[in-house]
Amino acid sequence: MKVRTLFVGLAAAAFSALALAQAPVVIKFSHVVAADTPKGKASEFFAKKAAELTKGKAKVEVYANSALYKDKEEMEALQLGAVHMLAPSLSKFGPLGVKEFEVFDFPYIFDDYNDLHKVTQGPIGASLLAKLEPKGIKGLAFWDNGFKSMSANTPIKAPGDLKGKKMRIQSSKVLEEQFRTLGALPQVMAFSEVYQALQTGVVDGTDNPHSNLFTQKMHEVQKHMTITDHNYLGYAVVVNKKFWEGLPPELRAQLEQAMKEATVYANKIAKEENDAALEGVRKSGKTAIYVPTKEEKMAFKKAMLPVHTKMADRVGKELLQSIYKETGFDPAKL
């Protein structure tokens, strides 16, 4: 009887150990935008690819729309290991102490995606991601969202139209300086709170890629939008460094491949989704869309150019010059 009991116990223990060995590694991926935005779709694509390439050994759980953490909470949660993966907007790394990421907030520093990708997909981008490691964060990739348009309840056709307007921004010293330079009043606010703030008049306007504005229904509470393309909004996909380096090498390599494929997908759909969102705003009839003339756009560029000089020391003059060299941007020609 004792032998049988011992055998049953050993079998149960072996089965339990086998079940444990086969249990998938769960990766909690949190973000603050809607599931049907470029970032939302790319994170779901990554989850699907991770399951395929690891043959179920990794399970990525995606939590969209600030379901787990809001803007100000998510980075700390990542560092503590309460969540494993994020895709924060690049401005979020400034408050963390990696101020160099705020170079992406410089107005009109990228003319188009081609210029942008020379930086994000080249050695400059890799060196920026490496700066996160001392913070316990491993950078995996850059994902595009798009270029921003400005919105408010009054027309925006010239830089002076923003004077005195309370404009919602992400936490970024560069964005603060940008709107102050235009005579506006920058208001730092969590993304999840923007719709209500616009609706109640706590802020007068904001700036967003079209997909963010449309999916959060901001166009329902903004009467005017101008296609300024003044800033780029992108994301860095990051993981808790300790968690990532603790994964089996083979599993990590499979997840890295899934991330490569998700990045190609993310950057492909970014422009498509923003174009579709702009059309959605247009069809709604709730927001008047204004496209500046070449001369009007140049007026915005010239009005914001002082931000480059004022904030150069914050991100590092060498970094700024290296991006100018990579993209061919020449402030003297504006």
C-alpha atoms as a PDB file:
ATOM      1  CA  MET A   1       0.000   0.000   0.000  1.00  0.00           C
ATOM      2  CA  LYS A   2       2.834   2.338   0.910  1.00  0.00           C
ATOM      3  CA  VAL A   3       4.582   1.566  -2.380  1.00  0.00           C
ATOM      4  CA  ARG A   4       1.398   2.291  -4.312  1.00  0.00           C
ATOM      5  CA  THR A   5       0.881   5.557  -2.433  1.00  0.00           C
ATOM      6  CA  LEU A   6       4.469   6.547  -3.113  1.00  0.00           C
ATOM      7  CA  PHE A   7       4.056   5.700  -6.811  1.00  0.00           C
ATOM      8  CA  VAL A   8       0.874   7.764  -7.068  1.00  0.00           C
ATOM      9  CA  GLY A   9       2.571  10.667  -5.297  1.00  0.00           C
ATOM     10  CA  LEU A  10       5.591  10.539  -7.602  1.00  0.00           C
ATOM     11  CA  ALA A  11       3.364  10.344 -10.674  1.00  0.00           C
ATOM     12  CA  ALA A  12       1.341  13.336  -9.512  1.00  0.00           C
ATOM     13  CA  ALA A  13       4.520  15.309  -8.850  1.00  0.00           C
ATOM     14  CA  ALA A  14       5.890  14.393 -12.287  1.00  0.00           C
ATOM     15  CA  PHE A  15       2.624  15.395 -13.954  1.00  0.00           C
ATOM     16  CA  SER A  16       2.612  18.676 -12.024  1.00  0.00           C
ATOM     17  CA  ALA A  17       6.214  19.394 -13.052  1.00  0.00           C
ATOM     18  CA  LEU A  18       5.387  18.581 -16.674  1.00  0.00           C
ATOM     19  CA  ALA A  19       2.351  20.871 -16.612  1.00  0.00           C
ATOM     20  CA  LEU A  20       4.483  23.615 -15.097  1.00  0.00           C
ATOM     21  CA  ALA A  21       7.153  23.154 -17.752  1.00  0.00           C
ATOM     22  CA  GLN A  22       4.535  23.396 -20.480  1.00  0.00           C
ATOM     23  CA  ALA A  23       2.778  26.455 -19.066  1.00  0.00           C
ATOM     24  CA  PRO A  24       3.327  29.406 -21.405  1.00  0.00           C
ATOM     25  CA  VAL A  25       5.343  32.444 -20.376  1.00  0.00           C
ATOM     26  CA  VAL A  26       2.794  35.227 -19.934  1.00  0.00           C
ATOM     27  CA  ILE A  27       3.853  38.671 -21.178  1.00  0.00           C
ATOM     28  CA  LYS A  28       1.583  41.532 -20.126  1.00  0.00           C
ATOM     29  CA  PHE A  29       1.641  44.258 -22.798  1.00  0.00           C
ATOM     30  CA  SER A  30      -0.040  47.494 -21.673  1.00  0.00           C
ATOM     31  CA  HIS A  31      -0.787  50.626 -23.703  1.00  0.00           C
ATOM     32  CA  VAL A  32      -2.991  53.712 -23.417  1.00  0.00           C
ATOM     33  CA  VAL A  33      -4.628  54.044 -26.838  1.00  0.00           C
ATOM     34  CA  ALA A  34      -7.611  52.326 -28.444  1.00  0.00           C
ATOM     35  CA  ALA A  35      -7.307  48.816 -29.844  1.00  0.00           C
ATOM     36  CA  ASP A  36      -8.140  50.035 -33.368  1.00  0.00           C
ATOM     37  CA  THR A  37      -5.244  52.515 -33.578  1.00  0.00           C
ATOM     38  CA  PRO A  38      -1.957  51.626 -35.347  1.00  0.00           C
ATOM     39  CA  LYS A  39      -0.323  50.829 -31.992  1.00  0.00           C
ATOM     40  CA  GLY A  40      -3.326  48.821 -30.845  1.00  0.00           C
ATOM     41  CA  LYS A  41      -3.375  46.739 -34.019  1.00  0.00           C
ATOM     42  CA  ALA A  42       0.400  46.265 -34.014  1.00  0.00           C
ATOM     43  CA  SER A  43       0.398  45.032 -30.413  1.00  0.00           C
ATOM     44  CA  GLU A  44      -2.286  42.458 -31.278  1.00  0.00           C
ATOM     45  CA  PHE A  45      -0.266  41.445 -34.352  1.00  0.00           C
ATOM     46  CA  PHE A  46       2.787  40.946 -32.124  1.00  0.00           C
ATOM     47  CA  ALA A  47       0.746  38.803 -29.710  1.00  0.00           C
ATOM     48  CA  LYS A  48      -0.445  36.605 -32.572  1.00  0.00           C
ATOM     49  CA  LYS A  49       3.055  36.281 -34.084  1.00  0.00           C
ATOM     50  CA  ALA A  50       4.588  35.512 -30.682  1.00  0.00           C
ATOM     51  CA  ALA A  51       2.122  32.651 -30.176  1.00  0.00           C
ATOM     52  CA  GLU A  52       2.871  31.288 -33.657  1.00  0.00           C
ATOM     53  CA  LEU A  53       6.662  31.527 -33.553  1.00  0.00           C
ATOM     54  CA  THR A  54       7.017  30.193 -30.006  1.00  0.00           C
ATOM     55  CA  LYS A  55       4.428  27.475 -30.695  1.00  0.00           C
ATOM     56  CA  GLY A  56       2.424  28.602 -27.698  1.00  0.00           C
ATOM     57  CA  LYS A  57       5.350  28.807 -25.283  1.00  0.00           C
ATOM     58  CA  ALA A  58       4.741  32.542 -24.904  1.00  0.00           C
ATOM     59  CA  LYS A  59       1.362  34.197 -24.427  1.00  0.00           C
ATOM     60  CA  VAL A  60       1.179  37.968 -24.899  1.00  0.00           C
ATOM     61  CA  GLU A  61      -1.793  39.531 -23.104  1.00  0.00           C
ATOM     62  CA  VAL A  62      -2.581  42.985 -24.551  1.00  0.00           C
ATOM     63  CA  TYR A  63      -4.296  45.564 -22.342  1.00  0.00           C
ATOM     64  CA  ALA A  64      -5.449  48.552 -24.439  1.00  0.00           C
ATOM     65  CA  ASN A  65      -6.945  51.957 -23.643  1.00  0.00           C
ATOM     66  CA  SER A  66      -5.289  52.435 -20.212  1.00  0.00           C
ATOM     67  CA  ALA A  67      -7.047  49.287 -18.931  1.00  0.00           C
ATOM     68  CA  LEU A  68      -4.092  48.519 -16.630  1.00  0.00           C
ATOM     69  CA  TYR A  69      -2.148  51.773 -16.297  1.00  0.00           C
ATOM     70  CA  LYS A  70      -2.507  55.410 -17.309  1.00  0.00           C
ATOM     71  CA  ASP A  71       0.195  57.546 -18.903  1.00  0.00           C
ATOM     72  CA  LYS A  72       1.919  58.535 -15.682  1.00  0.00           C
ATOM     73  CA  GLU A  73       1.751  55.076 -14.090  1.00  0.00           C
ATOM     74  CA  GLU A  74       2.875  52.701 -16.814  1.00  0.00           C
ATOM     75  CA  MET A  75       6.622  53.386 -16.803  1.00  0.00           C
ATOM     76  CA  GLU A  76       6.944  52.828 -13.066  1.00  0.00           C
ATOM     77  CA  ALA A  77       4.870  49.645 -13.379  1.00  0.00           C
ATOM     78  CA  LEU A  78       7.291  48.398 -16.046  1.00  0.00           C
ATOM     79  CA  GLN A  79      10.351  49.125 -13.918  1.00  0.00           C
ATOM     80  CA  LEU A  80       8.758  47.317 -10.971  1.00  0.00           C
ATOM     81  CA  GLY A  81       7.890  44.318 -13.131  1.00  0.00           C
ATOM     82  CA  ALA A  82       4.131  44.706 -12.597  1.00  0.00           C
ATOM     83  CA  VAL A  83       3.801  44.770 -16.391  1.00  0.00           C
ATOM     84  CA  HIS A  84       6.321  43.347 -18.853  1.00  0.00           C
ATOM     85  CA  MET A  85       5.970  45.339 -22.058  1.00  0.00           C
ATOM     86  CA  LEU A  86       4.893  48.836 -23.085  1.00  0.00           C
ATOM     87  CA  ALA A  87       4.915  50.977 -26.217  1.00  0.00           C
ATOM     88  CA  PRO A  88       5.054  54.502 -24.750  1.00  0.00           C
ATOM     89  CA  SER A  89       5.187  57.602 -26.893  1.00  0.00           C
ATOM     90  CA  LEU A  90       8.759  58.831 -27.153  1.00  0.00           C
ATOM     91  CA  SER A  91       8.077  61.877 -24.979  1.00  0.00           C
ATOM     92  CA  LYS A  92       7.557  59.584 -21.972  1.00  0.00           C
ATOM     93  CA  PHE A  93      11.277  58.892 -21.647  1.00  0.00           C
ATOM     94  CA  GLY A  94      12.140  62.522 -20.869  1.00  0.00           C
ATOM     95  CA  PRO A  95      10.568  62.458 -17.389  1.00  0.00           C
ATOM     96  CA  LEU A  96      12.367  59.135 -16.843  1.00  0.00           C
ATOM     97  CA  GLY A  97      15.663  60.993 -17.211  1.00  0.00           C
ATOM     98  CA  VAL A  98      16.492  60.039 -20.804  1.00  0.00           C
ATOM     99  CA  LYS A  99      15.916  63.518 -22.204  1.00  0.00           C
ATOM    100  CA  GLU A 100      17.457  62.679 -25.582  1.00  0.00           C
ATOM    101  CA  PHE A 101      14.171  61.080 -26.661  1.00  0.00           C
ATOM    102  CA  GLU A 102      12.554  64.506 -26.643  1.00  0.00           C
ATOM    103  CA  VAL A 103      14.444  65.262 -29.852  1.00  0.00           C
ATOM    104  CA  PHE A 104      11.516  63.549 -31.609  1.00  0.00           C
ATOM    105  CA  ASP A 105       9.301  66.371 -30.297  1.00  0.00           C
ATOM    106  CA  PHE A 106      11.290  69.061 -32.127  1.00  0.00           C
ATOM    107  CA  PRO A 107       8.938  70.783 -34.577  1.00  0.00           C
ATOM    108  CA  TYR A 108       9.384  69.977 -38.252  1.00  0.00           C
ATOM    109  CA  ILE A 109      12.624  68.026 -37.664  1.00  0.00           C
ATOM    110  CA  PHE A 110      11.371  65.292 -40.032  1.00  0.00           C
ATOM    111  CA  ASP A 111       9.833  66.127 -43.393  1.00  0.00           C
ATOM    112  CA  ASP A 112       8.429  62.668 -43.972  1.00  0.00           C
ATOM    113  CA  TYR A 113       8.644  58.998 -42.996  1.00  0.00           C
ATOM    114  CA  ASN A 114      11.729  58.513 -45.147  1.00  0.00           C
ATOM    115  CA  ASP A 115      13.676  61.075 -43.085  1.00  0.00           C
ATOM    116  CA  LEU A 116      12.282  59.646 -39.874  1.00  0.00           C
ATOM    117  CA  HIS A 117      13.278  56.052 -40.634  1.00  0.00           C
ATOM    118  CA  LYS A 118      16.867  57.088 -41.357  1.00  0.00           C
ATOM    119  CA  VAL A 119      16.975  57.882 -37.648  1.00  0.00           C
ATOM    120  CA  THR A 120      14.708  55.270 -36.013  1.00  0.00           C
ATOM    121  CA  GLN A 121      15.997  52.368 -38.101  1.00  0.00           C
ATOM    122  CA  GLY A 122      19.645  53.396 -38.095  1.00  0.00           C
ATOM    123  CA  PRO A 123      22.513  53.763 -35.609  1.00  0.00           C
ATOM    124  CA  ILE A 124      21.036  56.893 -33.993  1.00  0.00           C
ATOM    125  CA  GLY A 125      17.877  54.991 -33.062  1.00  0.00           C
ATOM    126  CA  ALA A 126      19.874  52.040 -31.716  1.00  0.00           C
ATOM    127  CA  SER A 127      22.014  54.330 -29.558  1.00  0.00           C
ATOM    128  CA  LEU A 128      18.903  55.987 -28.122  1.00  0.00           C
ATOM    129  CA  LEU A 129      17.328  52.649 -27.169  1.00  0.00           C
ATOM    130  CA  ALA A 130      20.597  51.621 -25.481  1.00  0.00           C
ATOM    131  CA  LYS A 131      20.305  54.653 -23.157  1.00  0.00           C
ATOM    132  CA  LEU A 132      17.266  53.023 -21.510  1.00  0.00           C
ATOM    133  CA  GLU A 133      19.164  50.031 -20.127  1.00  0.00           C
ATOM    134  CA  PRO A 134      20.526  51.740 -16.993  1.00  0.00           C
ATOM    135  CA  LYS A 135      16.860  52.397 -16.109  1.00  0.00           C
ATOM    136  CA  GLY A 136      16.108  48.668 -16.148  1.00  0.00           C
ATOM    137  CA  ILE A 137      14.397  48.921 -19.538  1.00  0.00           C
ATOM    138  CA  LYS A 138      15.278  47.146 -22.775  1.00  0.00           C
ATOM    139  CA  GLY A 139      14.287  48.882 -26.021  1.00  0.00           C
ATOM    140  CA  LEU A 140      13.147  46.525 -28.772  1.00  0.00           C
ATOM    141  CA  ALA A 141      11.834  48.689 -31.609  1.00  0.00           C
ATOM    142  CA  PHE A 142      10.413  52.003 -32.774  1.00  0.00           C
ATOM    143  CA  TRP A 143       6.813  52.010 -34.028  1.00  0.00           C
ATOM    144  CA  ASP A 144       5.307  54.833 -36.049  1.00  0.00           C
ATOM    145  CA  ASN A 145       2.031  56.506 -35.398  1.00  0.00           C
ATOM    146  CA  GLY A 146       2.154  59.591 -37.549  1.00  0.00           C
ATOM    147  CA  PHE A 147       2.513  63.314 -37.922  1.00  0.00           C
ATOM    148  CA  LYS A 148       0.293  65.596 -35.871  1.00  0.00           C
ATOM    149  CA  SER A 149      -2.438  68.055 -36.750  1.00  0.00           C
ATOM    150  CA  MET A 150      -3.655  70.818 -34.455  1.00  0.00           C
ATOM    151  CA  SER A 151      -7.259  71.123 -33.355  1.00  0.00           C
ATOM    152  CA  ALA A 152      -9.324  73.686 -31.459  1.00  0.00           C
ATOM    153  CA  ASN A 153     -12.793  75.209 -31.442  1.00  0.00           C
ATOM    154  CA  THR A 154     -11.611  78.216 -33.436  1.00  0.00           C
ATOM    155  CA  PRO A 155      -9.799  78.207 -36.818  1.00  0.00           C
ATOM    156  CA  ILE A 156      -6.021  77.728 -36.877  1.00  0.00           C
ATOM    157  CA  LYS A 157      -4.607  79.229 -40.061  1.00  0.00           C
ATOM    158  CA  ALA A 158      -1.595  81.095 -38.686  1.00  0.00           C
ATOM    159  CA  PRO A 159       0.714  80.761 -35.666  1.00  0.00           C
ATOM    160  CA  GLY A 160      -0.975  83.744 -34.014  1.00  0.00           C
ATOM    161  CA  ASP A 161      -4.287  81.862 -33.913  1.00  0.00           C
ATOM    162  CA  LEU A 162      -2.916  79.774 -31.034  1.00  0.00           C
ATOM    163  CA  LYS A 163      -2.158  82.740 -28.805  1.00  0.00           C
ATOM    164  CA  GLY A 164      -3.768  82.317 -25.396  1.00  0.00           C
ATOM    165  CA  LYS A 165      -5.162  78.873 -26.219  1.00  0.00           C
ATOM    166  CA  LYS A 166      -4.890  76.160 -23.566  1.00  0.00           C
ATOM    167  CA  MET A 167      -3.375  73.247 -25.499  1.00  0.00           C
ATOM    168  CA  ARG A 168      -3.124  69.736 -24.073  1.00  0.00           C
ATOM    169  CA  ILE A 169       0.310  68.155 -24.400  1.00  0.00           C
ATOM    170  CA  GLN A 170       2.168  65.084 -23.227  1.00  0.00           C
ATOM    171  CA  SER A 171       4.790  65.620 -20.564  1.00  0.00           C
ATOM    172  CA  SER A 172       7.673  67.037 -22.627  1.00  0.00           C
ATOM    173  CA  LYS A 173       9.738  70.148 -22.006  1.00  0.00           C
ATOM    174  CA  VAL A 174      10.198  70.511 -25.767  1.00  0.00           C
ATOM    175  CA  LEU A 175       6.441  70.466 -26.391  1.00  0.00           C
ATOM    176  CA  GLU A 176       5.961  72.963 -23.565  1.00  0.00           C
ATOM    177  CA  GLU A 177       8.483  75.300 -25.169  1.00  0.00           C
ATOM    178  CA  GLN A 178       6.923  74.794 -28.596  1.00  0.00           C
ATOM    179  CA  PHE A 179       3.491  75.983 -27.506  1.00  0.00           C
ATOM    180  CA  ARG A 180       4.861  78.796 -25.382  1.00  0.00           C
ATOM    181  CA  THR A 181       6.777  79.976 -28.453  1.00  0.00           C
ATOM    182  CA  LEU A 182       3.428  80.140 -30.261  1.00  0.00           C
ATOM    183  CA  GLY A 183       1.895  82.106 -27.398  1.00  0.00           C
ATOM    184  CA  ALA A 184      -0.271  79.179 -26.276  1.00  0.00           C
ATOM    185  CA  LEU A 185      -0.645  77.776 -22.757  1.00  0.00           C
ATOM    186  CA  PRO A 186       0.549  74.138 -22.646  1.00  0.00           C
ATOM    187  CA  GLN A 187      -1.360  71.825 -20.301  1.00  0.00           C
ATOM    188  CA  VAL A 188       0.166  68.436 -19.434  1.00  0.00           C
ATOM    189  CA  MET A 189      -2.596  65.836 -19.228  1.00  0.00           C
ATOM    190  CA  ALA A 190      -3.023  62.053 -19.426  1.00  0.00           C
ATOM    191  CA  PHE A 191      -4.264  60.879 -22.816  1.00  0.00           C
ATOM    192  CA  SER A 192      -7.283  59.131 -21.285  1.00  0.00           C
ATOM    193  CA  GLU A 193      -8.509  62.456 -19.836  1.00  0.00           C
ATOM    194  CA  VAL A 194      -8.306  64.561 -23.010  1.00  0.00           C
ATOM    195  CA  TYR A 195     -11.796  63.985 -24.447  1.00  0.00           C
ATOM    196  CA  GLN A 196     -13.541  65.142 -21.280  1.00  0.00           C
ATOM    197  CA  ALA A 197     -11.160  68.089 -20.901  1.00  0.00           C
ATOM    198  CA  LEU A 198     -11.971  69.221 -24.448  1.00  0.00           C
ATOM    199  CA  GLN A 199     -15.673  68.626 -23.917  1.00  0.00           C
ATOM    200  CA  THR A 200     -15.802  70.694 -20.715  1.00  0.00           C
ATOM    201  CA  GLY A 201     -13.447  73.442 -21.890  1.00  0.00           C
ATOM    202  CA  VAL A 202     -10.672  72.640 -19.419  1.00  0.00           C
ATOM    203  CA  VAL A 203      -8.437  72.841 -22.494  1.00  0.00           C
ATOM    204  CA  ASP A 204      -9.164  74.554 -25.808  1.00  0.00           C
ATOM    205  CA  GLY A 205      -7.343  72.230 -28.143  1.00  0.00           C
ATOM    206  CA  THR A 206      -4.752  69.566 -28.696  1.00  0.00           C
ATOM    207  CA  ASP A 207      -2.496  68.079 -31.336  1.00  0.00           C
ATOM    208  CA  ASN A 208      -2.590  64.458 -32.427  1.00  0.00           C
ATOM    209  CA  PRO A 209      -2.093  62.109 -35.324  1.00  0.00           C
ATOM    210  CA  HIS A 210      -5.474  61.626 -36.970  1.00  0.00           C
ATOM    211  CA  SER A 211      -5.916  58.052 -35.718  1.00  0.00           C
ATOM    212  CA  ASN A 212      -5.631  59.138 -32.077  1.00  0.00           C
ATOM    213  CA  LEU A 213      -8.010  62.057 -32.546  1.00  0.00           C
ATOM    214  CA  PHE A 214     -10.614  59.965 -34.391  1.00  0.00           C
ATOM    215  CA  THR A 215     -10.555  56.795 -32.263  1.00  0.00           C
ATOM    216  CA  GLN A 216     -10.856  58.834 -29.067  1.00  0.00           C
ATOM    217  CA  LYS A 217     -13.751  60.803 -30.661  1.00  0.00           C
ATOM    218  CA  MET A 218     -11.984  64.122 -30.045  1.00  0.00           C
ATOM    219  CA  HIS A 219     -13.358  65.350 -33.375  1.00  0.00           C
ATOM    220  CA  GLU A 220     -16.798  65.376 -31.739  1.00  0.00           C
ATOM    221  CA  VAL A 221     -15.629  68.117 -29.361  1.00  0.00           C
ATOM    222  CA  GLN A 222     -13.300  70.065 -31.677  1.00  0.00           C
ATOM    223  CA  LYS A 223     -14.767  72.307 -34.398  1.00  0.00           C
ATOM    224  CA  HIS A 224     -11.548  72.930 -36.332  1.00  0.00           C
ATOM    225  CA  MET A 225      -8.455  70.959 -37.326  1.00  0.00           C
ATOM    226  CA  THR A 226      -5.459  72.106 -39.367  1.00  0.00           C
ATOM    227  CA  ILE A 227      -3.106  69.688 -41.139  1.00  0.00           C
ATOM    228  CA  THR A 228       0.112  71.203 -39.801  1.00  0.00           C
ATOM    229  CA  ASP A 229       2.271  68.028 -39.688  1.00  0.00           C
ATOM    230  CA  HIS A 230       4.382  69.947 -37.161  1.00  0.00           C
ATOM    231  CA  ASN A 231       5.389  67.075 -34.856  1.00  0.00           C
ATOM    232  CA  TYR A 232       5.901  63.358 -35.160  1.00  0.00           C
ATOM    233  CA  LEU A 233       4.353  60.949 -32.686  1.00  0.00           C
ATOM    234  CA  GLY A 234       5.946  57.544 -32.402  1.00  0.00           C
ATOM    235  CA  TYR A 235       6.529  54.841 -29.848  1.00  0.00           C
ATOM    236  CA  ALA A 236       9.357  52.748 -28.487  1.00  0.00           C
ATOM    237  CA  VAL A 237       8.420  49.172 -27.672  1.00  0.00           C
ATOM    238  CA  VAL A 238      10.162  48.370 -24.395  1.00  0.00           C
ATOM    239  CA  VAL A 239      10.332  45.507 -21.925  1.00  0.00           C
ATOM    240  CA  ASN A 240      11.446  45.039 -18.354  1.00  0.00           C
ATOM    241  CA  LYS A 241      15.169  44.276 -18.826  1.00  0.00           C
ATOM    242  CA  LYS A 242      15.456  41.732 -16.016  1.00  0.00           C
ATOM    243  CA  PHE A 243      12.381  39.827 -17.234  1.00  0.00           C
ATOM    244  CA  TRP A 244      13.557  39.845 -20.860  1.00  0.00           C
ATOM    245  CA  GLU A 245      17.080  38.667 -20.105  1.00  0.00           C
ATOM    246  CA  GLY A 246      15.680  35.940 -17.852  1.00  0.00           C
ATOM    247  CA  LEU A 247      13.839  34.299 -20.750  1.00  0.00           C
ATOM    248  CA  PRO A 248      15.381  31.204 -22.382  1.00  0.00           C
ATOM    249  CA  PRO A 249      17.598  32.373 -25.305  1.00  0.00           C
ATOM    250  CA  GLU A 250      15.637  30.400 -27.898  1.00  0.00           C
ATOM    251  CA  LEU A 251      12.316  31.846 -26.727  1.00  0.00           C
ATOM    252  CA  ARG A 252      13.776  35.359 -26.664  1.00  0.00           C
ATOM    253  CA  ALA A 253      15.048  34.961 -30.238  1.00  0.00           C
ATOM    254  CA  GLN A 254      11.587  33.867 -31.376  1.00  0.00           C
ATOM    255  CA  LEU A 255      10.001  36.869 -29.659  1.00  0.00           C
ATOM    256  CA  GLU A 256      12.567  39.185 -31.259  1.00  0.00           C
ATOM    257  CA  GLN A 257      11.568  37.809 -34.665  1.00  0.00           C
ATOM    258  CA  ALA A 258       7.909  38.369 -33.812  1.00  0.00           C
ATOM    259  CA  MET A 259       8.780  41.960 -32.887  1.00  0.00           C
ATOM    260  CA  LYS A 260      10.610  42.495 -36.208  1.00  0.00           C
ATOM    261  CA  GLU A 261       7.559  41.341 -38.128  1.00  0.00           C
ATOM    262  CA  ALA A 262       5.219  43.410 -35.935  1.00  0.00           C
ATOM    263  CA  THR A 263       7.374  46.496 -36.530  1.00  0.00           C
ATOM    264  CA  VAL A 264       7.154  46.119 -40.314  1.00  0.00           C
ATOM    265  CA  TYR A 265       3.392  45.743 -39.921  1.00  0.00           C
ATOM    266  CA  ALA A 266       3.096  48.694 -37.503  1.00  0.00           C
ATOM    267  CA  ASN A 267       4.958  51.079 -39.761  1.00  0.00           C
ATOM    268  CA  LYS A 268       3.059  49.912 -42.843  1.00  0.00           C
ATOM    269  CA  ILE A 269      -0.377  50.523 -41.376  1.00  0.00           C
ATOM    270  CA  ALA A 270       0.455  53.796 -39.579  1.00  0.00           C
ATOM    271  CA  LYS A 271      -0.040  56.008 -42.618  1.00  0.00           C
ATOM    272  CA  GLU A 272      -2.980  53.946 -43.900  1.00  0.00           C
ATOM    273  CA  GLU A 273      -4.783  54.190 -40.552  1.00  0.00           C
ATOM    274  CA  ASN A 274      -4.164  57.917 -40.226  1.00  0.00           C
ATOM    275  CA  ASP A 275      -5.414  58.555 -43.761  1.00  0.00           C
ATOM    276  CA  ALA A 276      -8.535  56.500 -43.028  1.00  0.00           C
ATOM    277  CA  ALA A 277      -9.080  58.346 -39.734  1.00  0.00           C
ATOM    278  CA  LEU A 278      -8.795  61.725 -41.461  1.00  0.00           C
ATOM    279  CA  GLU A 279     -11.444  60.592 -43.928  1.00  0.00           C
ATOM    280  CA  GLY A 280     -13.571  59.499 -40.969  1.00  0.00           C
ATOM    281  CA  VAL A 281     -13.275  62.954 -39.411  1.00  0.00           C
ATOM    282  CA  ARG A 282     -14.183  64.538 -42.744  1.00  0.00           C
ATOM    283  CA  LYS A 283     -17.237  62.334 -43.219  1.00  0.00           C
ATOM    284  CA  SER A 284     -18.471  63.029 -39.681  1.00  0.00           C
ATOM    285  CA  GLY A 285     -19.021  66.656 -40.602  1.00  0.00           C
ATOM    286  CA  LYS A 286     -18.267  67.663 -37.012  1.00  0.00           C
ATOM    287  CA  THR A 287     -14.826  69.171 -37.594  1.00  0.00           C
ATOM    288  CA  ALA A 288     -13.801  71.587 -40.345  1.00  0.00           C
ATOM    289  CA  ILE A 289     -10.460  70.445 -41.811  1.00  0.00           C
ATOM    290  CA  TYR A 290      -8.073  73.094 -43.099  1.00  0.00           C
ATOM    291  CA  VAL A 291      -5.037  72.369 -45.277  1.00  0.00           C
ATOM    292  CA  PRO A 292      -2.525  75.247 -45.089  1.00  0.00           C
ATOM    293  CA  THR A 293      -0.986  76.658 -48.228  1.00  0.00           C
ATOM    294  CA  LYS A 294       2.751  76.220 -48.753  1.00  0.00           C
ATOM    295  CA  GLU A 295       3.280  79.781 -47.502  1.00  0.00           C
ATOM    296  CA  GLU A 296       1.087  79.245 -44.429  1.00  0.00           C
ATOM    297  CA  LYS A 297       2.950  76.052 -43.523  1.00  0.00           C
ATOM    298  CA  MET A 298       6.273  77.850 -43.873  1.00  0.00           C
ATOM    299  CA  ALA A 299       4.969  80.503 -41.456  1.00  0.00           C
ATOM    300  CA  PHE A 300       4.392  77.750 -38.855  1.00  0.00           C
ATOM    301  CA  LYS A 301       7.868  76.329 -39.480  1.00  0.00           C
ATOM    302  CA  LYS A 302       9.540  79.708 -39.014  1.00  0.00           C
ATOM    303  CA  ALA A 303       7.481  80.499 -35.911  1.00  0.00           C
ATOM    304  CA  MET A 304       8.559  77.248 -34.241  1.00  0.00           C
ATOM    305  CA  LEU A 305      12.196  77.247 -35.336  1.00  0.00           C
ATOM    306  CA  PRO A 306      13.428  79.036 -32.160  1.00  0.00           C
ATOM    307  CA  VAL A 307      12.495  75.866 -30.240  1.00  0.00           C
ATOM    308  CA  HIS A 308      15.448  74.077 -31.890  1.00  0.00           C
ATOM    309  CA  THR A 309      17.891  76.632 -30.518  1.00  0.00           C
ATOM    310  CA  LYS A 310      16.289  76.943 -27.087  1.00  0.00           C
ATOM    311  CA  MET A 311      16.059  73.192 -26.446  1.00  0.00           C
ATOM    312  CA  ALA A 312      19.294  72.009 -28.110  1.00  0.00           C
ATOM    313  CA  ASP A 313      21.124  71.683 -24.793  1.00  0.00           C
ATOM    314  CA  ARG A 314      18.304  69.597 -23.320  1.00  0.00           C
ATOM    315  CA  VAL A 315      18.621  66.793 -25.867  1.00  0.00           C
ATOM    316  CA  GLY A 316      22.293  67.378 -26.666  1.00  0.00           C
ATOM    317  CA  LYS A 317      23.665  69.479 -29.499  1.00  0.00           C
ATOM    318  CA  GLU A 318      25.637  66.547 -30.907  1.00  0.00           C
ATOM    319  CA  LEU A 319      22.499  64.417 -31.164  1.00  0.00           C
ATOM    320  CA  LEU A 320      20.602  67.247 -32.808  1.00  0.00           C
ATOM    321  CA  GLN A 321      23.379  67.850 -35.339  1.00  0.00           C
ATOM    322  CA  SER A 322      23.645  64.128 -36.112  1.00  0.00           C
ATOM    323  CA  ILE A 323      19.920  64.066 -36.970  1.00  0.00           C
ATOM    324  CA  TYR A 324      20.263  67.199 -39.114  1.00  0.00           C
ATOM    325  CA  LYS A 325      23.086  65.472 -40.977  1.00  0.00           C
ATOM    326  CA  GLU A 326      21.117  62.235 -41.399  1.00  0.00           C
ATOM    327  CA  THR A 327      17.951  63.926 -42.698  1.00  0.00           C
ATOM    328  CA  GLY A 328      19.424  66.950 -44.479  1.00  0.00           C
ATOM    329  CA  PHE A 329      17.477  69.393 -42.288  1.00  0.00           C
ATOM    330  CA  ASP A 330      19.037  72.854 -42.407  1.00  0.00           C
ATOM    331  CA  PRO A 331      17.540  75.480 -40.066  1.00  0.00           C
ATOM    332  CA  ALA A 332      19.408  78.221 -41.928  1.00  0.00           C
ATOM    333  CA  LYS A 333      17.309  77.565 -45.035  1.00  0.00           C
ATOM    334  CA  LEU A 334      13.984  78.271 -43.351  1.00  0.00           C
END
